[in-house]
PDB file of N, CA and C in Angstrom:
ATOM      1  N   UNK A   1       4.129-135.226  78.131  1.00  0.00           N
ATOM      2  CA  UNK A   1       4.136-136.268  77.493  1.00  0.00           C
ATOM      3  C   UNK A   1       2.995-136.328  76.166  1.00  0.00           C
ATOM      4  N   UNK A   2       2.083-135.459  76.262  1.00  0.00           N
ATOM      5  CA  UNK A   2       1.084-135.311  75.251  1.00  0.00           C
ATOM      6  C   UNK A   2       1.769-134.700  74.186  1.00  0.00           C
ATOM      7  N   UNK A   3       2.427-133.702  74.359  1.00  0.00           N
ATOM      8  CA  UNK A   3       3.103-132.891  73.268  1.00  0.00           C
ATOM      9  C   UNK A   3       4.126-133.689  72.475  1.00  0.00           C
ATOM     10  N   UNK A   4       4.596-134.705  73.151  1.00  0.00           N
ATOM     11  CA  UNK A   4       5.601-135.720  72.425  1.00  0.00           C
ATOM     12  C   UNK A   4       4.953-136.518  71.427  1.00  0.00           C
ATOM     13  N   UNK A   5       3.635-136.921  71.934  1.00  0.00           N
ATOM     14  CA  UNK A   5       2.987-137.915  70.858  1.00  0.00           C
ATOM     15  C   UNK A   5       2.348-137.062  69.716  1.00  0.00           C
ATOM     16  N   UNK A   6       1.904-135.812  70.234  1.00  0.00           N
ATOM     17  CA  UNK A   6       1.527-134.871  69.186  1.00  0.00           C
ATOM     18  C   UNK A   6       2.449-134.685  68.078  1.00  0.00           C
ATOM     19  N   UNK A   7       3.564-134.255  68.601  1.00  0.00           N
ATOM     20  CA  UNK A   7       4.623-134.040  67.610  1.00  0.00           C
ATOM     21  C   UNK A   7       5.131-135.125  66.822  1.00  0.00           C
ATOM     22  N   UNK A   8       5.258-136.422  67.207  1.00  0.00           N
ATOM     23  CA  UNK A   8       5.426-137.711  66.778  1.00  0.00           C
ATOM     24  C   UNK A   8       4.427-137.920  65.614  1.00  0.00           C
ATOM     25  N   UNK A   9       3.126-137.473  65.835  1.00  0.00           N
ATOM     26  CA  UNK A   9       2.065-137.769  64.831  1.00  0.00           C
ATOM     27  C   UNK A   9       2.030-136.602  63.831  1.00  0.00           C
ATOM     28  N   UNK A  10       2.386-135.434  64.152  1.00  0.00           N
ATOM     29  CA  UNK A  10       2.403-134.318  63.166  1.00  0.00           C
ATOM     30  C   UNK A  10       3.569-134.186  62.332  1.00  0.00           C
ATOM     31  N   UNK A  11       4.642-134.446  62.699  1.00  0.00           N
ATOM     32  CA  UNK A  11       5.913-134.386  61.642  1.00  0.00           C
ATOM     33  C   UNK A  11       5.532-135.290  60.564  1.00  0.00           C
ATOM     34  N   UNK A  12       5.171-136.493  60.703  1.00  0.00           N
ATOM     35  CA  UNK A  12       5.148-137.118  59.250  1.00  0.00           C
ATOM     36  C   UNK A  12       3.909-136.717  58.373  1.00  0.00           C
ATOM     37  N   UNK A  13       2.998-136.191  59.034  1.00  0.00           N
ATOM     38  CA  UNK A  13       1.827-135.615  58.182  1.00  0.00           C
ATOM     39  C   UNK A  13       2.315-134.330  57.431  1.00  0.00           C
ATOM     40  N   UNK A  14       3.139-133.344  58.318  1.00  0.00           N
ATOM     41  CA  UNK A  14       3.737-132.221  57.483  1.00  0.00           C
ATOM     42  C   UNK A  14       4.834-132.589  56.365  1.00  0.00           C
ATOM     43  N   UNK A  15       5.682-133.712  56.779  1.00  0.00           N
ATOM     44  CA  UNK A  15       6.511-134.031  55.778  1.00  0.00           C
ATOM     45  C   UNK A  15       5.925-134.470  54.447  1.00  0.00           C
ATOM     46  N   UNK A  16       4.711-135.466  54.642  1.00  0.00           N
ATOM     47  CA  UNK A  16       4.125-135.969  53.482  1.00  0.00           C
ATOM     48  C   UNK A  16       3.486-134.631  52.638  1.00  0.00           C
ATOM     49  N   UNK A  17       2.937-133.792  53.443  1.00  0.00           N
ATOM     50  CA  UNK A  17       2.207-132.694  52.815  1.00  0.00           C
ATOM     51  C   UNK A  17       3.380-131.823  52.060  1.00  0.00           C
ATOM     52  N   UNK A  18       4.544-131.596  52.555  1.00  0.00           N
ATOM     53  CA  UNK A  18       5.541-130.644  51.784  1.00  0.00           C
ATOM     54  C   UNK A  18       6.347-131.763  50.870  1.00  0.00           C
ATOM     55  N   UNK A  19       5.917-132.857  50.645  1.00  0.00           N
ATOM     56  CA  UNK A  19       6.543-133.486  49.229  1.00  0.00           C
ATOM     57  C   UNK A  19       7.478-134.750  49.503  1.00  0.00           C
ATOM     58  N   UNK A  20       7.682-135.077  50.905  1.00  0.00           N
ATOM     59  CA  UNK A  20       8.665-136.214  51.254  1.00  0.00           C
ATOM     60  C   UNK A  20       7.812-137.511  51.116  1.00  0.00           C
ATOM     61  N   UNK A  21       8.532-138.425  50.717  1.00  0.00           N
ATOM     62  CA  UNK A  21       7.914-139.780  50.335  1.00  0.00           C
ATOM     63  C   UNK A  21       7.412-140.246  51.793  1.00  0.00           C
ATOM     64  N   UNK A  22       6.614-141.250  51.577  1.00  0.00           N
ATOM     65  CA  UNK A  22       6.043-142.016  52.755  1.00  0.00           C
ATOM     66  C   UNK A  22       7.204-142.633  53.627  1.00  0.00           C
ATOM     67  N   UNK A  23       8.144-143.273  52.773  1.00  0.00           N
ATOM     68  CA  UNK A  23       9.255-143.879  53.385  1.00  0.00           C
ATOM     69  C   UNK A  23      10.165-143.120  54.276  1.00  0.00           C
ATOM     70  N   UNK A  24      10.421-141.857  53.638  1.00  0.00           N
ATOM     71  CA  UNK A  24      11.203-140.906  54.374  1.00  0.00           C
ATOM     72  C   UNK A  24      10.464-140.287  55.660  1.00  0.00           C
ATOM     73  N   UNK A  25       9.212-140.218  55.429  1.00  0.00           N
ATOM     74  CA  UNK A  25       8.438-139.546  56.783  1.00  0.00           C
ATOM     75  C   UNK A  25       8.419-140.813  57.726  1.00  0.00           C
ATOM     76  N   UNK A  26       8.245-142.041  57.340  1.00  0.00           N
ATOM     77  CA  UNK A  26       8.356-143.234  58.229  1.00  0.00           C
ATOM     78  C   UNK A  26       9.513-143.251  58.937  1.00  0.00           C
ATOM     79  N   UNK A  27      10.703-143.097  58.255  1.00  0.00           N
ATOM     80  CA  UNK A  27      12.017-143.094  58.908  1.00  0.00           C
ATOM     81  C   UNK A  27      12.201-141.957  59.887  1.00  0.00           C
ATOM     82  N   UNK A  28      11.624-140.801  59.479  1.00  0.00           N
ATOM     83  CA  UNK A  28      11.844-139.481  60.535  1.00  0.00           C
ATOM     84  C   UNK A  28      10.879-139.787  61.756  1.00  0.00           C
ATOM     85  N   UNK A  29       9.934-140.362  61.484  1.00  0.00           N
ATOM     86  CA  UNK A  29       8.949-140.738  62.610  1.00  0.00           C
ATOM     87  C   UNK A  29       9.609-141.772  63.458  1.00  0.00           C
ATOM     88  N   UNK A  30      10.209-142.717  62.975  1.00  0.00           N
ATOM     89  CA  UNK A  30      10.788-143.744  63.961  1.00  0.00           C
ATOM     90  C   UNK A  30      12.130-143.087  64.707  1.00  0.00           C
ATOM     91  N   UNK A  31      12.705-142.274  64.153  1.00  0.00           N
ATOM     92  CA  UNK A  31      13.851-141.534  64.667  1.00  0.00           C
ATOM     93  C   UNK A  31      13.428-140.556  65.724  1.00  0.00           C
ATOM     94  N   UNK A  32      12.127-139.828  65.354  1.00  0.00           N
ATOM     95  CA  UNK A  32      11.663-139.118  66.370  1.00  0.00           C
ATOM     96  C   UNK A  32      10.969-139.618  67.729  1.00  0.00           C
ATOM     97  N   UNK A  33      10.442-140.970  67.340  1.00  0.00           N
ATOM     98  CA  UNK A  33       9.986-141.729  68.377  1.00  0.00           C
ATOM     99  C   UNK A  33      11.020-142.223  69.479  1.00  0.00           C
ATOM    100  N   UNK A  34      12.210-142.620  68.747  1.00  0.00           N
ATOM    101  CA  UNK A  34      13.197-143.221  69.337  1.00  0.00           C
ATOM    102  C   UNK A  34      13.884-141.980  70.341  1.00  0.00           C
ATOM    103  N   UNK A  35      14.153-140.899  69.871  1.00  0.00           N
ATOM    104  CA  UNK A  35      14.824-139.782  70.648  1.00  0.00           C
ATOM    105  C   UNK A  35      13.762-139.362  71.610  1.00  0.00           C
ATOM    106  N   UNK A  36      12.602-139.306  71.472  1.00  0.00           N
ATOM    107  CA  UNK A  36      11.549-139.137  72.498  1.00  0.00           C
ATOM    108  C   UNK A  36      11.501-140.100  73.625  1.00  0.00           C
ATOM    109  N   UNK A  37      11.589-141.284  73.398  1.00  0.00           N
ATOM    110  CA  UNK A  37      11.603-142.397  74.313  1.00  0.00           C
ATOM    111  C   UNK A  37      13.045-142.126  75.166  1.00  0.00           C
ATOM    112  N   UNK A  38      14.147-142.123  74.654  1.00  0.00           N
ATOM    113  CA  UNK A  38      15.241-141.865  75.357  1.00  0.00           C
ATOM    114  C   UNK A  38      15.259-140.664  76.241  1.00  0.00           C
ATOM    115  N   UNK A  39      14.861-139.564  75.769  1.00  0.00           N
ATOM    116  CA  UNK A  39      14.404-138.297  76.606  1.00  0.00           C
ATOM    117  C   UNK A  39      13.738-138.759  77.802  1.00  0.00           C
ATOM    118  N   UNK A  40      12.560-139.437  77.444  1.00  0.00           N
ATOM    119  CA  UNK A  40      11.692-139.619  78.672  1.00  0.00           C
ATOM    120  C   UNK A  40      12.404-140.621  79.802  1.00  0.00           C
ATOM    121  N   UNK A  41      13.121-141.424  79.222  1.00  0.00           N
ATOM    122  CA  UNK A  41      13.954-142.582  80.204  1.00  0.00           C
ATOM    123  C   UNK A  41      14.993-141.627  81.038  1.00  0.00           C
ATOM    124  N   UNK A  42      15.523-140.813  80.130  1.00  0.00           N
ATOM    125  CA  UNK A  42      16.555-139.951  81.003  1.00  0.00           C
ATOM    126  C   UNK A  42      15.993-138.954  81.926  1.00  0.00           C
ATOM    127  N   UNK A  43      14.892-138.251  81.413  1.00  0.00           N
ATOM    128  CA  UNK A  43      14.042-137.517  82.525  1.00  0.00           C
ATOM    129  C   UNK A  43      13.582-138.199  83.856  1.00  0.00           C
ATOM    130  N   UNK A  44      13.007-139.351  83.530  1.00  0.00           N
ATOM    131  CA  UNK A  44      12.504-140.055  84.765  1.00  0.00           C
ATOM    132  C   UNK A  44      13.595-140.498  85.711  1.00  0.00           C
ATOM    133  N   UNK A  45      14.896-140.985  85.067  1.00  0.00           N
ATOM    134  CA  UNK A  45      16.014-141.379  86.111  1.00  0.00           C
ATOM    135  C   UNK A  45      16.522-140.038  86.742  1.00  0.00           C
ATOM    136  N   UNK A  46      16.770-138.869  86.195  1.00  0.00           N
ATOM    137  CA  UNK A  46      17.000-137.789  86.754  1.00  0.00           C
ATOM    138  C   UNK A  46      16.065-137.265  87.841  1.00  0.00           C
ATOM    139  N   UNK A  47      14.789-137.504  87.630  1.00  0.00           N
ATOM    140  CA  UNK A  47      13.739-137.155  88.782  1.00  0.00           C
ATOM    141  C   UNK A  47      14.063-138.065  89.810  1.00  0.00           C
ATOM    142  N   UNK A  48      14.292-139.279  89.668  1.00  0.00           N
ATOM    143  CA  UNK A  48      14.282-140.436  90.662  1.00  0.00           C
ATOM    144  C   UNK A  48      15.623-140.103  91.493  1.00  0.00           C
ATOM    145  N   UNK A  49      16.830-139.587  90.776  1.00  0.00           N
ATOM    146  CA  UNK A  49      17.855-139.319  91.616  1.00  0.00           C
ATOM    147  C   UNK A  49      17.776-137.990  92.361  1.00  0.00           C
ATOM    148  N   UNK A  50      17.018-137.066  91.906  1.00  0.00           N
ATOM    149  CA  UNK A  50      16.766-135.787  92.580  1.00  0.00           C
ATOM    150  C   UNK A  50      16.112-135.947  93.885  1.00  0.00           C
ATOM    151  N   UNK A  51      14.912-137.087  93.785  1.00  0.00           N
ATOM    152  CA  UNK A  51      14.385-137.392  94.858  1.00  0.00           C
ATOM    153  C   UNK A  51      15.061-138.136  95.858  1.00  0.00           C
ATOM    154  N   UNK A  52      15.910-139.105  95.430  1.00  0.00           N
ATOM    155  CA  UNK A  52      16.808-139.772  96.201  1.00  0.00           C
ATOM    156  C   UNK A  52      17.710-138.955  96.897  1.00  0.00           C
ATOM    157  N   UNK A  53      18.371-137.900  96.202  1.00  0.00           N
ATOM    158  CA  UNK A  53      19.215-137.150  96.766  1.00  0.00           C
ATOM    159  C   UNK A  53      18.567-136.142  97.927  1.00  0.00           C
ATOM    160  N   UNK A  54      17.335-135.749  97.553  1.00  0.00           N
ATOM    161  CA  UNK A  54      16.619-134.916  98.685  1.00  0.00           C
ATOM    162  C   UNK A  54      16.377-135.648  99.874  1.00  0.00           C
ATOM    163  N   UNK A  55      16.254-136.822  99.779  1.00  0.00           N
ATOM    164  CA  UNK A  55      16.003-137.730 101.176  1.00  0.00           C
ATOM    165  C   UNK A  55      17.272-138.006 102.023  1.00  0.00           C
ATOM    166  N   UNK A  56      18.478-137.960 101.275  1.00  0.00           N
ATOM    167  CA  UNK A  56      19.695-138.428 102.198  1.00  0.00           C
ATOM    168  C   UNK A  56      19.988-137.465 103.232  1.00  0.00           C
ATOM    169  N   UNK A  57      20.112-136.145 102.849  1.00  0.00           N
ATOM    170  CA  UNK A  57      20.159-135.151 104.222  1.00  0.00           C
ATOM    171  C   UNK A  57      19.159-135.504 105.429  1.00  0.00           C
ATOM    172  N   UNK A  58      17.763-135.704 105.066  1.00  0.00           N
ATOM    173  CA  UNK A  58      16.850-135.878 105.991  1.00  0.00           C
ATOM    174  C   UNK A  58      17.278-137.229 106.776  1.00  0.00           C
ATOM    175  N   UNK A  59      17.561-138.193 106.154  1.00  0.00           N
ATOM    176  CA  UNK A  59      18.128-139.339 106.825  1.00  0.00           C
ATOM    177  C   UNK A  59      19.206-139.065 107.673  1.00  0.00           C
ATOM    178  N   UNK A  60      20.117-138.437 107.327  1.00  0.00           N
ATOM    179  CA  UNK A  60      21.217-138.264 108.138  1.00  0.00           C
ATOM    180  C   UNK A  60      21.054-137.522 109.272  1.00  0.00           C
ATOM    181  N   UNK A  61      20.213-136.493 109.217  1.00  0.00           N
ATOM    182  CA  UNK A  61      19.776-135.832 110.323  1.00  0.00           C
ATOM    183  C   UNK A  61      19.159-136.493 111.345  1.00  0.00           C
ATOM    184  N   UNK A  62      18.243-137.340 111.037  1.00  0.00           N
ATOM    185  CA  UNK A  62      17.502-138.175 112.032  1.00  0.00           C
ATOM    186  C   UNK A  62      18.487-139.084 112.621  1.00  0.00           C
ATOM    187  N   UNK A  63      19.644-139.579 111.889  1.00  0.00           N
ATOM    188  CA  UNK A  63      20.532-140.773 112.486  1.00  0.00           C
ATOM    189  C   UNK A  63      21.387-140.065 113.438  1.00  0.00           C
ATOM    190  N   UNK A  64      21.961-138.710 113.201  1.00  0.00           N
ATOM    191  CA  UNK A  64      22.824-137.995 114.083  1.00  0.00           C
ATOM    192  C   UNK A  64      22.286-137.662 115.439  1.00  0.00           C
ATOM    193  N   UNK A  65      20.927-137.688 115.602  1.00  0.00           N
ATOM    194  CA  UNK A  65      20.276-137.277 116.778  1.00  0.00           C
ATOM    195  C   UNK A  65      20.216-135.698 116.978  1.00  0.00           C
ATOM    196  N   UNK A  66      20.702-135.325 117.999  1.00  0.00           N
ATOM    197  CA  UNK A  66      20.532-133.724 118.282  1.00  0.00           C
ATOM    198  C   UNK A  66      21.572-133.020 117.335  1.00  0.00           C
ATOM    199  N   UNK A  67      21.083-131.872 116.870  1.00  0.00           N
ATOM    200  CA  UNK A  67      21.844-130.881 116.106  1.00  0.00           C
ATOM    201  C   UNK A  67      22.160-129.719 117.065  1.00  0.00           C
ATOM    202  N   UNK A  68      23.385-129.058 116.570  1.00  0.00           N
ATOM    203  CA  UNK A  68      23.783-127.905 117.382  1.00  0.00           C
ATOM    204  C   UNK A  68      22.919-126.642 117.046  1.00  0.00           C
ATOM    205  N   UNK A  69      22.424-125.952 117.834  1.00  0.00           N
ATOM    206  CA  UNK A  69      21.594-124.937 117.462  1.00  0.00           C
ATOM    207  C   UNK A  69      22.426-123.566 117.150  1.00  0.00           C
ATOM    208  N   UNK A  70      23.438-123.292 118.002  1.00  0.00           N
ATOM    209  CA  UNK A  70      24.301-122.141 117.921  1.00  0.00           C
ATOM    210  C   UNK A  70      25.538-122.419 117.863  1.00  0.00           C
ATOM    211  N   UNK A  71      26.410-121.745 117.099  1.00  0.00           N
ATOM    212  CA  UNK A  71      27.843-121.821 117.262  1.00  0.00           C
ATOM    213  C   UNK A  71      28.339-120.920 118.366  1.00  0.00           C
ATOM    214  N   UNK A  72      29.543-121.396 118.870  1.00  0.00           N
ATOM    215  CA  UNK A  72      30.330-120.494 120.124  1.00  0.00           C
ATOM    216  C   UNK A  72      30.424-119.179 119.637  1.00  0.00           C
ATOM    217  N   UNK A  73      30.885-118.822 118.469  1.00  0.00           N
ATOM    218  CA  UNK A  73      31.286-117.431 118.208  1.00  0.00           C
ATOM    219  C   UNK A  73      30.180-116.381 118.037  1.00  0.00           C
ATOM    220  N   UNK A  74      28.894-116.888 117.895  1.00  0.00           N
ATOM    221  CA  UNK A  74      27.863-115.944 117.583  1.00  0.00           C
ATOM    222  C   UNK A  74      27.374-115.104 118.707  1.00  0.00           C
ATOM    223  N   UNK A  75      27.671-115.303 120.024  1.00  0.00           N
ATOM    224  CA  UNK A  75      27.329-114.662 121.195  1.00  0.00           C
ATOM    225  C   UNK A  75      28.345-113.378 121.233  1.00  0.00           C
ATOM    226  N   UNK A  76      29.391-113.502 121.097  1.00  0.00           N
ATOM    227  CA  UNK A  76      30.288-112.219 121.287  1.00  0.00           C
ATOM    228  C   UNK A  76      30.254-111.281 120.028  1.00  0.00           C
ATOM    229  N   UNK A  77      30.170-111.982 118.836  1.00  0.00           N
ATOM    230  CA  UNK A  77      30.064-111.228 117.740  1.00  0.00           C
ATOM    231  C   UNK A  77      28.857-110.411 117.543  1.00  0.00           C
ATOM    232  N   UNK A  78      27.630-110.867 118.248  1.00  0.00           N
ATOM    233  CA  UNK A  78      26.438-110.075 118.181  1.00  0.00           C
ATOM    234  C   UNK A  78      26.319-109.382 119.437  1.00  0.00           C
ATOM    235  N   UNK A  79      27.346-109.224 120.296  1.00  0.00           N
ATOM    236  CA  UNK A  79      27.217-108.486 121.386  1.00  0.00           C
ATOM    237  C   UNK A  79      26.257-109.084 122.724  1.00  0.00           C
ATOM    238  N   UNK A  80      26.174-110.372 122.595  1.00  0.00           N
ATOM    239  CA  UNK A  80      25.661-111.346 123.529  1.00  0.00           C
ATOM    240  C   UNK A  80      26.153-111.141 124.902  1.00  0.00           C
ATOM    241  N   UNK A  81      27.644-111.227 124.990  1.00  0.00           N
ATOM    242  CA  UNK A  81      28.114-111.008 126.142  1.00  0.00           C
ATOM    243  C   UNK A  81      28.360-112.464 126.889  1.00  0.00           C
ATOM    244  N   UNK A  82      27.945-113.419 126.404  1.00  0.00           N
ATOM    245  CA  UNK A  82      28.121-114.713 127.106  1.00  0.00           C
ATOM    246  C   UNK A  82      29.655-115.216 126.910  1.00  0.00           C
ATOM    247  N   UNK A  83      30.243-115.018 125.913  1.00  0.00           N
ATOM    248  CA  UNK A  83      31.665-115.463 125.549  1.00  0.00           C
ATOM    249  C   UNK A  83      32.521-114.401 125.343  1.00  0.00           C
ATOM    250  N   UNK A  84      32.639-113.361 126.186  1.00  0.00           N
ATOM    251  CA  UNK A  84      33.572-112.504 126.134  1.00  0.00           C
ATOM    252  C   UNK A  84      33.354-111.573 127.300  1.00  0.00           C
ATOM    253  N   UNK A  85      34.328-110.509 127.257  1.00  0.00           N
ATOM    254  CA  UNK A  85      34.113-109.472 128.572  1.00  0.00           C
ATOM    255  C   UNK A  85      32.948-108.646 128.351  1.00  0.00           C
ATOM    256  N   UNK A  86      32.294-108.097 129.442  1.00  0.00           N
ATOM    257  CA  UNK A  86      31.035-107.299 129.127  1.00  0.00           C
ATOM    258  C   UNK A  86      31.238-106.177 128.235  1.00  0.00           C
ATOM    259  N   UNK A  87      32.536-105.468 128.223  1.00  0.00           N
ATOM    260  CA  UNK A  87      32.891-104.329 127.580  1.00  0.00           C
ATOM    261  C   UNK A  87      33.373-104.426 126.334  1.00  0.00           C
ATOM    262  N   UNK A  88      33.497-105.709 125.635  1.00  0.00           N
ATOM    263  CA  UNK A  88      33.945-105.728 124.298  1.00  0.00           C
ATOM    264  C   UNK A  88      32.919-105.755 123.181  1.00  0.00           C
ATOM    265  N   UNK A  89      33.113-104.927 122.456  1.00  0.00           N
ATOM    266  CA  UNK A  89      32.115-105.064 121.067  1.00  0.00           C
ATOM    267  C   UNK A  89      30.933-104.189 121.423  1.00  0.00           C
ATOM    268  N   UNK A  90      30.250-104.268 122.429  1.00  0.00           N
ATOM    269  CA  UNK A  90      29.134-103.623 122.811  1.00  0.00           C
ATOM    270  C   UNK A  90      28.014-103.884 121.736  1.00  0.00           C
ATOM    271  N   UNK A  91      27.709-103.252 120.767  1.00  0.00           N
ATOM    272  CA  UNK A  91      26.757-103.592 119.690  1.00  0.00           C
ATOM    273  C   UNK A  91      27.252-102.699 118.452  1.00  0.00           C
ATOM    274  N   UNK A  92      28.383-102.330 118.490  1.00  0.00           N
ATOM    275  CA  UNK A  92      28.953-101.627 117.272  1.00  0.00           C
ATOM    276  C   UNK A  92      29.618-102.575 116.401  1.00  0.00           C
ATOM    277  N   UNK A  93      29.410-102.453 115.097  1.00  0.00           N
ATOM    278  CA  UNK A  93      29.918-103.205 114.063  1.00  0.00           C
ATOM    279  C   UNK A  93      31.553-102.916 113.990  1.00  0.00           C
ATOM    280  N   UNK A  94      32.395-104.119 113.604  1.00  0.00           N
ATOM    281  CA  UNK A  94      33.761-103.814 113.563  1.00  0.00           C
ATOM    282  C   UNK A  94      34.024-103.884 111.952  1.00  0.00           C
ATOM    283  N   UNK A  95      35.235-103.598 111.671  1.00  0.00           N
ATOM    284  CA  UNK A  95      35.592-103.587 110.217  1.00  0.00           C
ATOM    285  C   UNK A  95      36.372-104.965 110.114  1.00  0.00           C
TER     286      UNK A  95
END
């Protein structure tokens, strides 16, 4: 935010130094202040929406209770032997 204030103050000075009228510099300054204010509001809303979206999955996890730790297909695919016959797969990869 400090850079925005700095640029809002610097732009009219530079414009006047390079020959723009005081009225033109004032209009440019008002426009720059308006754009800066709108950008700040949009940035804050975006940050709040991001924080709100990050909290939603955490709430859903606590509301559902227990979560499944393993899917049923991982044992046989990894050669665990719990969900298939003992000789199937072994530990060799398949295409």
